[in-house]
Amino acid sequence: MKTDNNRLRQQIQFILEVDKLKKIVRQTPLTDQSRKENDAEHSWHIALMAVLLLEHAQAKNIDILRVVTMLLVHDLVEIDAGDTFCYDKAGNMDKLERETKAADRIFNLLPEDQAAYLRELWDEFEARQTAESRFAAAMDRLQPLLHNYNTEGGTWKEHRIHKEQVVERNHPIAFGSATLWDFAADMIDDAVVKGYLDGS
């Protein structure tokens, strides 16, 4: 193929590289329990959730395009770093180091301006200091909760996770949406009542 458009070449190279996200399998089961979801499916799902649940965001006048873009790119680093299970203490010890190295490589496949923009969004998501990143993080936490509840314990049962761990992991939903945290907290309590989650 002949093209002298270097910018387009870089963009296409990045687009092909991020196709690898479809191979990164997460711990979260699909709601029909037929298999576990991959990172690309997770990213699409929470981006759609952000659009649908925007009215429940804690802050008003959120830049939804920024949120959606953040959610679509937040897990791209897992192409190199792999998925780290959120309750894996050992795996989380060097997670930031592995993911930062991956961000340096993957985003820099793009032309400089786009690389800087996506890297800025990834850093913003990780820091959770803006209204957009807090709402995005709320989506990222709420989605696995929905899946685990609707698969009668899913990953919680598989890894013997306790209520206290789930509450600690998911309480940051409140910073993005008090309404969604109230919903999540009720779901966690009900999961204990129904035997989906160990409450001890």
N, C-alpha and C. Protein backbone atom coordinates (compact mmCIF):
# COMPACT_ATOMS: atom_id res chain seq x y z
N MET A 1 0.84 -1.18 0.00
CA MET A 1 0.00 0.00 0.00
C MET A 1 0.89 1.25 0.00
N LYS A 2 0.55 2.20 -0.85
CA LYS A 2 1.35 3.41 -0.97
C LYS A 2 0.61 4.58 -0.33
N THR A 3 1.22 5.18 0.67
CA THR A 3 0.70 6.43 1.23
C THR A 3 1.86 7.19 1.85
N ASP A 4 1.87 8.48 1.62
CA ASP A 4 2.93 9.30 2.22
C ASP A 4 2.38 10.12 3.39
N ASN A 5 1.17 9.75 3.83
CA ASN A 5 0.54 10.45 4.95
C ASN A 5 0.98 9.77 6.25
N ASN A 6 2.05 10.28 6.85
CA ASN A 6 2.61 9.65 8.04
C ASN A 6 1.66 9.71 9.23
N ARG A 7 0.91 10.80 9.36
CA ARG A 7 -0.06 10.92 10.47
C ARG A 7 -1.10 9.82 10.38
N LEU A 8 -1.65 9.62 9.19
CA LEU A 8 -2.65 8.57 9.00
C LEU A 8 -2.05 7.20 9.28
N ARG A 9 -0.83 7.01 8.84
CA ARG A 9 -0.16 5.72 9.10
C ARG A 9 -0.06 5.44 10.60
N GLN A 10 0.32 6.44 11.36
CA GLN A 10 0.42 6.29 12.82
C GLN A 10 -0.93 5.98 13.44
N GLN A 11 -1.95 6.68 12.97
CA GLN A 11 -3.31 6.45 13.51
C GLN A 11 -3.79 5.03 13.22
N ILE A 12 -3.54 4.57 12.00
CA ILE A 12 -3.94 3.21 11.64
C ILE A 12 -3.14 2.18 12.45
N GLN A 13 -1.86 2.44 12.66
CA GLN A 13 -1.03 1.53 13.46
C GLN A 13 -1.60 1.40 14.88
N PHE A 14 -2.00 2.54 15.45
CA PHE A 14 -2.59 2.54 16.79
C PHE A 14 -3.91 1.77 16.79
N ILE A 15 -4.75 2.01 15.80
CA ILE A 15 -6.05 1.33 15.70
C ILE A 15 -5.87 -0.18 15.63
N LEU A 16 -4.89 -0.63 14.87
CA LEU A 16 -4.62 -2.06 14.78
C LEU A 16 -4.04 -2.61 16.08
N GLU A 17 -3.20 -1.83 16.73
CA GLU A 17 -2.60 -2.27 17.99
C GLU A 17 -3.65 -2.47 19.07
N VAL A 18 -4.60 -1.53 19.16
CA VAL A 18 -5.58 -1.63 20.25
C VAL A 18 -6.61 -2.72 20.01
N ASP A 19 -6.62 -3.31 18.83
CA ASP A 19 -7.47 -4.48 18.59
C ASP A 19 -7.10 -5.60 19.56
N LYS A 20 -5.86 -5.58 20.05
CA LYS A 20 -5.39 -6.60 20.99
C LYS A 20 -6.15 -6.57 22.32
N LEU A 21 -6.85 -5.47 22.59
CA LEU A 21 -7.62 -5.37 23.83
C LEU A 21 -8.70 -6.45 23.90
N LYS A 22 -9.14 -6.90 22.72
CA LYS A 22 -10.18 -7.93 22.66
C LYS A 22 -9.70 -9.27 23.18
N LYS A 23 -8.39 -9.44 23.30
CA LYS A 23 -7.82 -10.71 23.78
C LYS A 23 -7.58 -10.72 25.28
N ILE A 24 -7.70 -9.56 25.94
CA ILE A 24 -7.42 -9.48 27.37
C ILE A 24 -8.69 -9.87 28.13
N VAL A 25 -8.65 -11.03 28.75
CA VAL A 25 -9.82 -11.56 29.46
C VAL A 25 -9.81 -11.07 30.91
N ARG A 26 -10.94 -10.58 31.34
CA ARG A 26 -11.12 -10.09 32.71
C ARG A 26 -11.70 -11.20 33.60
N GLN A 27 -11.80 -10.93 34.87
CA GLN A 27 -12.38 -11.88 35.81
C GLN A 27 -13.91 -11.87 35.76
N THR A 28 -14.48 -10.77 35.30
CA THR A 28 -15.93 -10.59 35.34
C THR A 28 -16.66 -11.51 34.36
N PRO A 29 -17.64 -12.27 34.84
CA PRO A 29 -18.42 -13.12 33.93
C PRO A 29 -19.46 -12.32 33.18
N LEU A 30 -19.80 -12.76 31.98
CA LEU A 30 -20.97 -12.20 31.31
C LEU A 30 -22.20 -12.54 32.14
N THR A 31 -23.25 -11.77 31.98
CA THR A 31 -24.44 -12.02 32.81
C THR A 31 -25.10 -13.35 32.49
N ASP A 32 -24.85 -13.91 31.30
CA ASP A 32 -25.40 -15.25 31.01
C ASP A 32 -24.46 -16.36 31.48
N GLN A 33 -23.33 -15.98 32.07
CA GLN A 33 -22.34 -16.89 32.66
C GLN A 33 -21.69 -17.83 31.65
N SER A 34 -21.80 -17.52 30.35
CA SER A 34 -21.24 -18.40 29.34
C SER A 34 -19.72 -18.30 29.25
N ARG A 35 -19.17 -17.16 29.64
CA ARG A 35 -17.73 -16.94 29.62
C ARG A 35 -17.42 -15.66 30.35
N LYS A 36 -16.14 -15.32 30.44
CA LYS A 36 -15.74 -14.05 31.04
C LYS A 36 -15.59 -13.00 29.94
N GLU A 37 -15.86 -11.76 30.31
CA GLU A 37 -15.78 -10.69 29.33
C GLU A 37 -14.33 -10.33 29.03
N ASN A 38 -14.12 -9.67 27.90
CA ASN A 38 -12.79 -9.15 27.60
C ASN A 38 -12.78 -7.64 27.83
N ASP A 39 -11.59 -7.07 27.80
CA ASP A 39 -11.43 -5.65 28.11
C ASP A 39 -12.17 -4.74 27.14
N ALA A 40 -12.21 -5.11 25.87
CA ALA A 40 -12.89 -4.27 24.90
C ALA A 40 -14.39 -4.23 25.19
N GLU A 41 -14.96 -5.38 25.55
CA GLU A 41 -16.38 -5.43 25.90
C GLU A 41 -16.66 -4.60 27.15
N HIS A 42 -15.79 -4.71 28.12
CA HIS A 42 -15.93 -3.93 29.36
C HIS A 42 -15.90 -2.44 29.05
N SER A 43 -14.94 -2.02 28.23
CA SER A 43 -14.80 -0.59 27.92
C SER A 43 -16.02 -0.05 27.19
N TRP A 44 -16.53 -0.83 26.22
CA TRP A 44 -17.74 -0.42 25.51
C TRP A 44 -18.92 -0.31 26.48
N HIS A 45 -19.05 -1.29 27.37
CA HIS A 45 -20.19 -1.36 28.26
C HIS A 45 -20.22 -0.16 29.21
N ILE A 46 -19.08 0.18 29.80
CA ILE A 46 -19.07 1.30 30.75
C ILE A 46 -19.17 2.65 30.05
N ALA A 47 -18.71 2.73 28.79
CA ALA A 47 -18.89 3.97 28.03
C ALA A 47 -20.38 4.21 27.78
N LEU A 48 -21.11 3.14 27.43
CA LEU A 48 -22.55 3.25 27.23
C LEU A 48 -23.26 3.56 28.55
N MET A 49 -22.82 2.93 29.63
CA MET A 49 -23.39 3.22 30.94
C MET A 49 -23.26 4.70 31.29
N ALA A 50 -22.10 5.28 30.99
CA ALA A 50 -21.87 6.69 31.30
C ALA A 50 -22.87 7.59 30.60
N VAL A 51 -23.17 7.28 29.34
CA VAL A 51 -24.14 8.07 28.58
C VAL A 51 -25.53 7.93 29.21
N LEU A 52 -25.90 6.70 29.55
CA LEU A 52 -27.24 6.45 30.08
C LEU A 52 -27.44 6.94 31.51
N LEU A 53 -26.39 6.91 32.31
CA LEU A 53 -26.51 7.24 33.73
C LEU A 53 -26.02 8.65 34.08
N LEU A 54 -25.71 9.44 33.06
CA LEU A 54 -25.16 10.78 33.28
C LEU A 54 -26.02 11.63 34.22
N GLU A 55 -27.34 11.47 34.13
CA GLU A 55 -28.24 12.29 34.97
C GLU A 55 -28.02 12.06 36.46
N HIS A 56 -27.35 10.95 36.82
CA HIS A 56 -27.12 10.65 38.24
C HIS A 56 -25.74 11.10 38.72
N ALA A 57 -24.97 11.74 37.84
CA ALA A 57 -23.63 12.19 38.22
C ALA A 57 -23.70 13.20 39.35
N GLN A 58 -22.74 13.12 40.24
CA GLN A 58 -22.68 14.02 41.38
C GLN A 58 -22.52 15.48 40.93
N ALA A 59 -21.63 15.69 39.96
CA ALA A 59 -21.39 17.04 39.44
C ALA A 59 -22.28 17.29 38.23
N LYS A 60 -22.63 18.52 38.03
CA LYS A 60 -23.41 18.89 36.86
C LYS A 60 -22.47 19.43 35.78
N ASN A 61 -22.96 19.54 34.56
CA ASN A 61 -22.18 20.05 33.43
C ASN A 61 -20.91 19.25 33.17
N ILE A 62 -21.02 17.94 33.31
CA ILE A 62 -19.89 17.06 33.01
C ILE A 62 -19.70 16.97 31.50
N ASP A 63 -18.45 16.96 31.08
CA ASP A 63 -18.11 16.79 29.67
C ASP A 63 -18.20 15.30 29.34
N ILE A 64 -19.35 14.89 28.80
CA ILE A 64 -19.60 13.46 28.59
C ILE A 64 -18.69 12.88 27.51
N LEU A 65 -18.31 13.67 26.51
CA LEU A 65 -17.37 13.15 25.51
C LEU A 65 -16.03 12.83 26.17
N ARG A 66 -15.62 13.67 27.10
CA ARG A 66 -14.37 13.40 27.82
C ARG A 66 -14.48 12.11 28.64
N VAL A 67 -15.61 11.95 29.30
CA VAL A 67 -15.84 10.74 30.10
C VAL A 67 -15.82 9.49 29.23
N VAL A 68 -16.56 9.53 28.13
CA VAL A 68 -16.65 8.37 27.24
C VAL A 68 -15.29 8.03 26.65
N THR A 69 -14.56 9.04 26.20
CA THR A 69 -13.23 8.79 25.64
C THR A 69 -12.29 8.21 26.70
N MET A 70 -12.39 8.74 27.90
CA MET A 70 -11.59 8.24 29.02
C MET A 70 -11.87 6.75 29.25
N LEU A 71 -13.14 6.39 29.23
CA LEU A 71 -13.52 5.00 29.46
C LEU A 71 -13.10 4.08 28.32
N LEU A 72 -13.10 4.61 27.11
CA LEU A 72 -12.69 3.79 25.97
C LEU A 72 -11.19 3.53 25.95
N VAL A 73 -10.40 4.42 26.59
CA VAL A 73 -8.94 4.24 26.55
C VAL A 73 -8.34 3.79 27.88
N HIS A 74 -9.12 3.80 28.96
CA HIS A 74 -8.53 3.59 30.28
C HIS A 74 -7.86 2.23 30.46
N ASP A 75 -8.32 1.21 29.75
CA ASP A 75 -7.74 -0.12 29.90
C ASP A 75 -6.81 -0.52 28.76
N LEU A 76 -6.52 0.38 27.84
CA LEU A 76 -5.61 0.04 26.73
C LEU A 76 -4.25 -0.42 27.23
N VAL A 77 -3.84 0.08 28.39
CA VAL A 77 -2.54 -0.30 28.95
C VAL A 77 -2.47 -1.79 29.26
N GLU A 78 -3.62 -2.42 29.41
CA GLU A 78 -3.63 -3.84 29.75
C GLU A 78 -3.22 -4.73 28.58
N ILE A 79 -3.09 -4.15 27.40
CA ILE A 79 -2.53 -4.89 26.26
C ILE A 79 -1.13 -5.37 26.62
N ASP A 80 -0.36 -4.52 27.29
CA ASP A 80 0.99 -4.88 27.73
C ASP A 80 1.01 -5.38 29.17
N ALA A 81 0.26 -4.70 30.04
CA ALA A 81 0.34 -4.97 31.48
C ALA A 81 -0.53 -6.12 31.93
N GLY A 82 -1.50 -6.53 31.11
CA GLY A 82 -2.43 -7.58 31.51
C GLY A 82 -3.48 -7.03 32.47
N ASP A 83 -4.53 -7.81 32.67
CA ASP A 83 -5.58 -7.43 33.61
C ASP A 83 -5.15 -7.84 35.01
N THR A 84 -5.21 -6.90 35.94
CA THR A 84 -4.89 -7.20 37.34
C THR A 84 -6.20 -7.26 38.11
N PHE A 85 -6.49 -8.42 38.69
CA PHE A 85 -7.73 -8.59 39.45
C PHE A 85 -7.74 -7.60 40.61
N CYS A 86 -8.81 -6.88 40.77
CA CYS A 86 -8.87 -5.78 41.74
C CYS A 86 -8.64 -6.24 43.19
N TYR A 87 -8.91 -7.51 43.49
CA TYR A 87 -8.72 -7.99 44.86
C TYR A 87 -7.39 -8.74 45.05
N ASP A 88 -6.54 -8.71 44.04
CA ASP A 88 -5.23 -9.37 44.09
C ASP A 88 -4.21 -8.41 44.68
N LYS A 89 -3.93 -8.53 45.98
CA LYS A 89 -3.02 -7.59 46.65
C LYS A 89 -1.62 -7.63 46.06
N ALA A 90 -1.11 -8.81 45.81
CA ALA A 90 0.25 -8.93 45.27
C ALA A 90 0.32 -8.34 43.86
N GLY A 91 -0.66 -8.65 43.04
CA GLY A 91 -0.67 -8.15 41.67
C GLY A 91 -0.81 -6.65 41.58
N ASN A 92 -1.47 -6.06 42.57
CA ASN A 92 -1.67 -4.61 42.56
C ASN A 92 -0.45 -3.83 43.04
N MET A 93 0.52 -4.53 43.63
CA MET A 93 1.70 -3.83 44.15
C MET A 93 2.51 -3.15 43.05
N ASP A 94 2.65 -3.80 41.90
CA ASP A 94 3.43 -3.19 40.81
C ASP A 94 2.55 -2.81 39.62
N LYS A 95 1.25 -2.76 39.84
CA LYS A 95 0.31 -2.47 38.76
C LYS A 95 0.60 -1.11 38.11
N LEU A 96 0.76 -0.08 38.92
CA LEU A 96 0.97 1.26 38.38
C LEU A 96 2.25 1.33 37.54
N GLU A 97 3.29 0.69 38.01
CA GLU A 97 4.56 0.68 37.27
C GLU A 97 4.38 -0.01 35.91
N ARG A 98 3.73 -1.16 35.91
CA ARG A 98 3.52 -1.90 34.66
C ARG A 98 2.63 -1.12 33.70
N GLU A 99 1.58 -0.51 34.24
CA GLU A 99 0.64 0.20 33.38
C GLU A 99 1.21 1.51 32.86
N THR A 100 2.03 2.17 33.65
CA THR A 100 2.67 3.42 33.19
C THR A 100 3.62 3.13 32.04
N LYS A 101 4.38 2.07 32.16
CA LYS A 101 5.29 1.67 31.08
C LYS A 101 4.48 1.36 29.81
N ALA A 102 3.36 0.68 29.98
CA ALA A 102 2.50 0.35 28.84
C ALA A 102 1.92 1.62 28.21
N ALA A 103 1.51 2.56 29.04
CA ALA A 103 0.96 3.83 28.53
C ALA A 103 2.01 4.57 27.70
N ASP A 104 3.24 4.56 28.17
CA ASP A 104 4.33 5.22 27.44
C ASP A 104 4.46 4.64 26.03
N ARG A 105 4.35 3.33 25.91
CA ARG A 105 4.50 2.71 24.59
C ARG A 105 3.27 2.87 23.72
N ILE A 106 2.12 2.51 24.26
CA ILE A 106 0.91 2.41 23.43
C ILE A 106 0.42 3.77 22.94
N PHE A 107 0.31 4.74 23.82
CA PHE A 107 -0.20 6.04 23.39
C PHE A 107 0.76 6.74 22.43
N ASN A 108 2.05 6.48 22.58
CA ASN A 108 3.04 7.12 21.71
C ASN A 108 3.12 6.52 20.32
N LEU A 109 2.27 5.54 20.02
CA LEU A 109 2.14 5.08 18.64
C LEU A 109 1.42 6.13 17.80
N LEU A 110 0.64 6.97 18.45
CA LEU A 110 -0.16 7.99 17.78
C LEU A 110 0.68 9.22 17.43
N PRO A 111 0.17 10.07 16.54
CA PRO A 111 0.80 11.38 16.34
C PRO A 111 0.88 12.11 17.68
N GLU A 112 1.86 12.98 17.82
CA GLU A 112 2.19 13.59 19.11
C GLU A 112 1.00 14.24 19.81
N ASP A 113 0.17 14.99 19.08
CA ASP A 113 -0.95 15.68 19.73
C ASP A 113 -1.99 14.71 20.26
N GLN A 114 -2.30 13.67 19.49
CA GLN A 114 -3.28 12.68 19.94
C GLN A 114 -2.71 11.81 21.06
N ALA A 115 -1.43 11.50 20.96
CA ALA A 115 -0.78 10.73 22.03
C ALA A 115 -0.85 11.49 23.34
N ALA A 116 -0.59 12.78 23.30
CA ALA A 116 -0.62 13.61 24.52
C ALA A 116 -2.03 13.69 25.08
N TYR A 117 -3.03 13.82 24.20
CA TYR A 117 -4.42 13.92 24.65
C TYR A 117 -4.89 12.64 25.33
N LEU A 118 -4.64 11.49 24.71
CA LEU A 118 -5.10 10.23 25.30
C LEU A 118 -4.33 9.92 26.57
N ARG A 119 -3.04 10.25 26.59
CA ARG A 119 -2.26 10.03 27.82
C ARG A 119 -2.77 10.92 28.95
N GLU A 120 -3.14 12.14 28.61
CA GLU A 120 -3.71 13.05 29.61
C GLU A 120 -4.99 12.47 30.19
N LEU A 121 -5.83 11.90 29.34
CA LEU A 121 -7.08 11.29 29.80
C LEU A 121 -6.80 10.08 30.70
N TRP A 122 -5.81 9.27 30.31
CA TRP A 122 -5.47 8.10 31.12
C TRP A 122 -4.96 8.53 32.50
N ASP A 123 -4.09 9.52 32.53
CA ASP A 123 -3.57 10.04 33.80
C ASP A 123 -4.70 10.63 34.65
N GLU A 124 -5.61 11.34 34.00
CA GLU A 124 -6.75 11.93 34.71
C GLU A 124 -7.63 10.85 35.33
N PHE A 125 -7.89 9.79 34.58
CA PHE A 125 -8.69 8.68 35.10
C PHE A 125 -8.03 8.06 36.32
N GLU A 126 -6.72 7.84 36.24
CA GLU A 126 -5.99 7.22 37.35
C GLU A 126 -5.99 8.10 38.60
N ALA A 127 -5.91 9.42 38.41
CA ALA A 127 -5.82 10.34 39.55
C ALA A 127 -7.17 10.56 40.24
N ARG A 128 -8.26 10.46 39.50
CA ARG A 128 -9.62 10.65 40.02
C ARG A 128 -9.78 11.96 40.80
N GLN A 129 -9.29 13.05 40.22
CA GLN A 129 -9.39 14.35 40.87
C GLN A 129 -10.42 15.27 40.22
N THR A 130 -10.90 14.92 39.03
CA THR A 130 -11.87 15.76 38.33
C THR A 130 -13.25 15.12 38.38
N ALA A 131 -14.26 15.93 38.13
CA ALA A 131 -15.64 15.41 38.11
C ALA A 131 -15.79 14.32 37.05
N GLU A 132 -15.16 14.54 35.89
CA GLU A 132 -15.25 13.57 34.81
C GLU A 132 -14.60 12.23 35.19
N SER A 133 -13.43 12.30 35.79
CA SER A 133 -12.73 11.06 36.14
C SER A 133 -13.42 10.33 37.29
N ARG A 134 -14.03 11.06 38.19
CA ARG A 134 -14.76 10.41 39.29
C ARG A 134 -16.01 9.69 38.78
N PHE A 135 -16.69 10.32 37.83
CA PHE A 135 -17.87 9.69 37.25
C PHE A 135 -17.45 8.48 36.42
N ALA A 136 -16.37 8.63 35.67
CA ALA A 136 -15.86 7.50 34.87
C ALA A 136 -15.48 6.34 35.78
N ALA A 137 -14.81 6.64 36.88
CA ALA A 137 -14.41 5.58 37.82
C ALA A 137 -15.63 4.91 38.43
N ALA A 138 -16.69 5.67 38.66
CA ALA A 138 -17.93 5.09 39.20
C ALA A 138 -18.49 4.05 38.23
N MET A 139 -18.44 4.34 36.93
CA MET A 139 -18.92 3.37 35.93
C MET A 139 -18.05 2.12 35.94
N ASP A 140 -16.74 2.33 36.05
CA ASP A 140 -15.78 1.22 36.04
C ASP A 140 -15.98 0.29 37.24
N ARG A 141 -16.43 0.83 38.36
CA ARG A 141 -16.68 0.01 39.56
C ARG A 141 -18.07 -0.60 39.56
N LEU A 142 -19.04 0.17 39.08
CA LEU A 142 -20.43 -0.30 39.12
C LEU A 142 -20.67 -1.51 38.20
N GLN A 143 -20.05 -1.49 37.03
CA GLN A 143 -20.33 -2.55 36.05
C GLN A 143 -20.01 -3.95 36.58
N PRO A 144 -18.82 -4.20 37.15
CA PRO A 144 -18.56 -5.54 37.69
C PRO A 144 -19.50 -5.91 38.84
N LEU A 145 -19.91 -4.92 39.62
CA LEU A 145 -20.88 -5.18 40.68
C LEU A 145 -22.18 -5.73 40.09
N LEU A 146 -22.65 -5.07 39.04
CA LEU A 146 -23.88 -5.52 38.38
C LEU A 146 -23.74 -6.95 37.87
N HIS A 147 -22.59 -7.24 37.29
CA HIS A 147 -22.36 -8.59 36.76
C HIS A 147 -22.29 -9.63 37.87
N ASN A 148 -21.56 -9.33 38.94
CA ASN A 148 -21.44 -10.30 40.02
C ASN A 148 -22.77 -10.54 40.73
N TYR A 149 -23.54 -9.49 40.92
CA TYR A 149 -24.86 -9.65 41.53
C TYR A 149 -25.77 -10.48 40.64
N ASN A 150 -25.75 -10.18 39.35
CA ASN A 150 -26.67 -10.85 38.42
C ASN A 150 -26.18 -12.21 37.94
N THR A 151 -25.05 -12.66 38.45
CA THR A 151 -24.60 -14.04 38.19
C THR A 151 -24.54 -14.81 39.53
N GLU A 152 -25.30 -14.30 40.50
CA GLU A 152 -25.42 -14.94 41.82
C GLU A 152 -24.06 -15.14 42.51
N GLY A 153 -23.22 -14.14 42.36
CA GLY A 153 -21.95 -14.17 43.09
C GLY A 153 -20.73 -14.20 42.20
N GLY A 154 -20.87 -14.73 40.98
CA GLY A 154 -19.79 -14.71 40.00
C GLY A 154 -18.38 -14.78 40.57
N THR A 155 -17.63 -13.72 40.34
CA THR A 155 -16.24 -13.62 40.78
C THR A 155 -16.11 -13.62 42.30
N TRP A 156 -17.10 -13.06 42.98
CA TRP A 156 -17.05 -13.05 44.45
C TRP A 156 -16.95 -14.46 45.00
N LYS A 157 -17.80 -15.35 44.50
CA LYS A 157 -17.78 -16.74 44.98
C LYS A 157 -16.52 -17.46 44.53
N GLU A 158 -16.14 -17.23 43.28
CA GLU A 158 -14.97 -17.91 42.72
C GLU A 158 -13.71 -17.61 43.53
N HIS A 159 -13.59 -16.37 44.01
CA HIS A 159 -12.36 -15.97 44.73
C HIS A 159 -12.59 -15.77 46.23
N ARG A 160 -13.76 -16.20 46.72
CA ARG A 160 -14.08 -16.10 48.16
C ARG A 160 -13.91 -14.67 48.69
N ILE A 161 -14.54 -13.76 48.01
CA ILE A 161 -14.48 -12.35 48.37
C ILE A 161 -15.55 -12.06 49.43
N HIS A 162 -15.21 -11.19 50.38
CA HIS A 162 -16.12 -10.84 51.48
C HIS A 162 -16.73 -9.46 51.26
N LYS A 163 -17.84 -9.22 51.91
CA LYS A 163 -18.56 -7.95 51.79
C LYS A 163 -17.65 -6.76 52.06
N GLU A 164 -16.86 -6.84 53.10
CA GLU A 164 -15.99 -5.73 53.48
C GLU A 164 -15.06 -5.34 52.32
N GLN A 165 -14.54 -6.33 51.60
CA GLN A 165 -13.67 -6.07 50.45
C GLN A 165 -14.43 -5.38 49.33
N VAL A 166 -15.66 -5.82 49.11
CA VAL A 166 -16.47 -5.26 48.03
C VAL A 166 -16.85 -3.81 48.35
N VAL A 167 -17.20 -3.55 49.60
CA VAL A 167 -17.55 -2.18 50.01
C VAL A 167 -16.33 -1.27 49.86
N GLU A 168 -15.18 -1.73 50.34
CA GLU A 168 -13.96 -0.91 50.25
C GLU A 168 -13.60 -0.61 48.80
N ARG A 169 -13.69 -1.61 47.96
CA ARG A 169 -13.35 -1.45 46.54
C ARG A 169 -14.30 -0.49 45.84
N ASN A 170 -15.58 -0.55 46.20
CA ASN A 170 -16.59 0.17 45.42
C ASN A 170 -17.10 1.46 46.02
N HIS A 171 -16.72 1.76 47.25
CA HIS A 171 -17.19 3.00 47.87
C HIS A 171 -16.85 4.25 47.05
N PRO A 172 -15.73 4.28 46.29
CA PRO A 172 -15.46 5.47 45.45
C PRO A 172 -16.55 5.79 44.43
N ILE A 173 -17.49 4.87 44.20
CA ILE A 173 -18.64 5.20 43.34
C ILE A 173 -19.32 6.46 43.87
N ALA A 174 -19.33 6.62 45.19
CA ALA A 174 -20.00 7.76 45.82
C ALA A 174 -19.44 9.10 45.36
N PHE A 175 -18.16 9.15 45.04
CA PHE A 175 -17.56 10.42 44.60
C PHE A 175 -18.03 10.80 43.21
N GLY A 176 -18.46 9.81 42.43
CA GLY A 176 -19.00 10.09 41.10
C GLY A 176 -20.49 10.26 41.10
N SER A 177 -21.16 9.56 42.05
CA SER A 177 -22.62 9.64 42.13
C SER A 177 -23.10 9.05 43.45
N ALA A 178 -23.64 9.90 44.31
CA ALA A 178 -24.20 9.43 45.58
C ALA A 178 -25.39 8.50 45.32
N THR A 179 -26.17 8.82 44.30
CA THR A 179 -27.34 8.00 43.95
C THR A 179 -26.92 6.59 43.56
N LEU A 180 -25.90 6.50 42.71
CA LEU A 180 -25.44 5.18 42.27
C LEU A 180 -24.76 4.42 43.40
N TRP A 181 -24.11 5.13 44.33
CA TRP A 181 -23.52 4.43 45.46
C TRP A 181 -24.61 3.86 46.37
N ASP A 182 -25.68 4.62 46.59
CA ASP A 182 -26.81 4.10 47.39
C ASP A 182 -27.36 2.83 46.75
N PHE A 183 -27.50 2.87 45.43
CA PHE A 183 -27.99 1.69 44.69
C PHE A 183 -27.02 0.52 44.85
N ALA A 184 -25.73 0.80 44.70
CA ALA A 184 -24.71 -0.25 44.81
C ALA A 184 -24.66 -0.83 46.22
N ALA A 185 -24.75 0.03 47.22
CA ALA A 185 -24.71 -0.44 48.61
C ALA A 185 -25.90 -1.34 48.91
N ASP A 186 -27.08 -0.98 48.41
CA ASP A 186 -28.26 -1.83 48.58
C ASP A 186 -28.06 -3.18 47.89
N MET A 187 -27.44 -3.14 46.72
CA MET A 187 -27.21 -4.38 45.97
C MET A 187 -26.23 -5.28 46.73
N ILE A 188 -25.20 -4.68 47.31
CA ILE A 188 -24.22 -5.45 48.09
C ILE A 188 -24.90 -6.10 49.30
N ASP A 189 -25.71 -5.33 50.01
CA ASP A 189 -26.44 -5.87 51.17
C ASP A 189 -27.36 -7.02 50.74
N ASP A 190 -28.05 -6.83 49.63
CA ASP A 190 -28.96 -7.86 49.15
C ASP A 190 -28.20 -9.11 48.70
N ALA A 191 -27.00 -8.90 48.16
CA ALA A 191 -26.17 -10.03 47.74
C ALA A 191 -25.80 -10.90 48.94
N VAL A 192 -25.56 -10.26 50.09
CA VAL A 192 -25.26 -11.01 51.31
C VAL A 192 -26.49 -11.79 51.76
N VAL A 193 -27.64 -11.14 51.75
CA VAL A 193 -28.90 -11.78 52.15
C VAL A 193 -29.17 -13.01 51.26
N LYS A 194 -28.92 -12.88 49.98
CA LYS A 194 -29.22 -13.95 49.04
C LYS A 194 -28.12 -15.02 48.98
N GLY A 195 -27.03 -14.79 49.69
CA GLY A 195 -25.97 -15.78 49.71
C GLY A 195 -25.00 -15.68 48.53
N TYR A 196 -25.05 -14.59 47.80
CA TYR A 196 -24.14 -14.38 46.67
C TYR A 196 -22.77 -13.91 47.16
N LEU A 197 -22.73 -13.34 48.35
CA LEU A 197 -21.53 -12.71 48.89
C LEU A 197 -21.42 -13.00 50.36
N ASP A 198 -20.25 -13.36 50.81
CA ASP A 198 -20.01 -13.66 52.22
C ASP A 198 -20.01 -12.36 53.03
N GLY A 199 -20.92 -12.28 53.97
CA GLY A 199 -21.04 -11.06 54.77
C GLY A 199 -20.20 -11.06 56.02
N SER A 200 -19.48 -12.17 56.29
CA SER A 200 -18.71 -12.25 57.54
C SER A 200 -17.38 -11.55 57.42
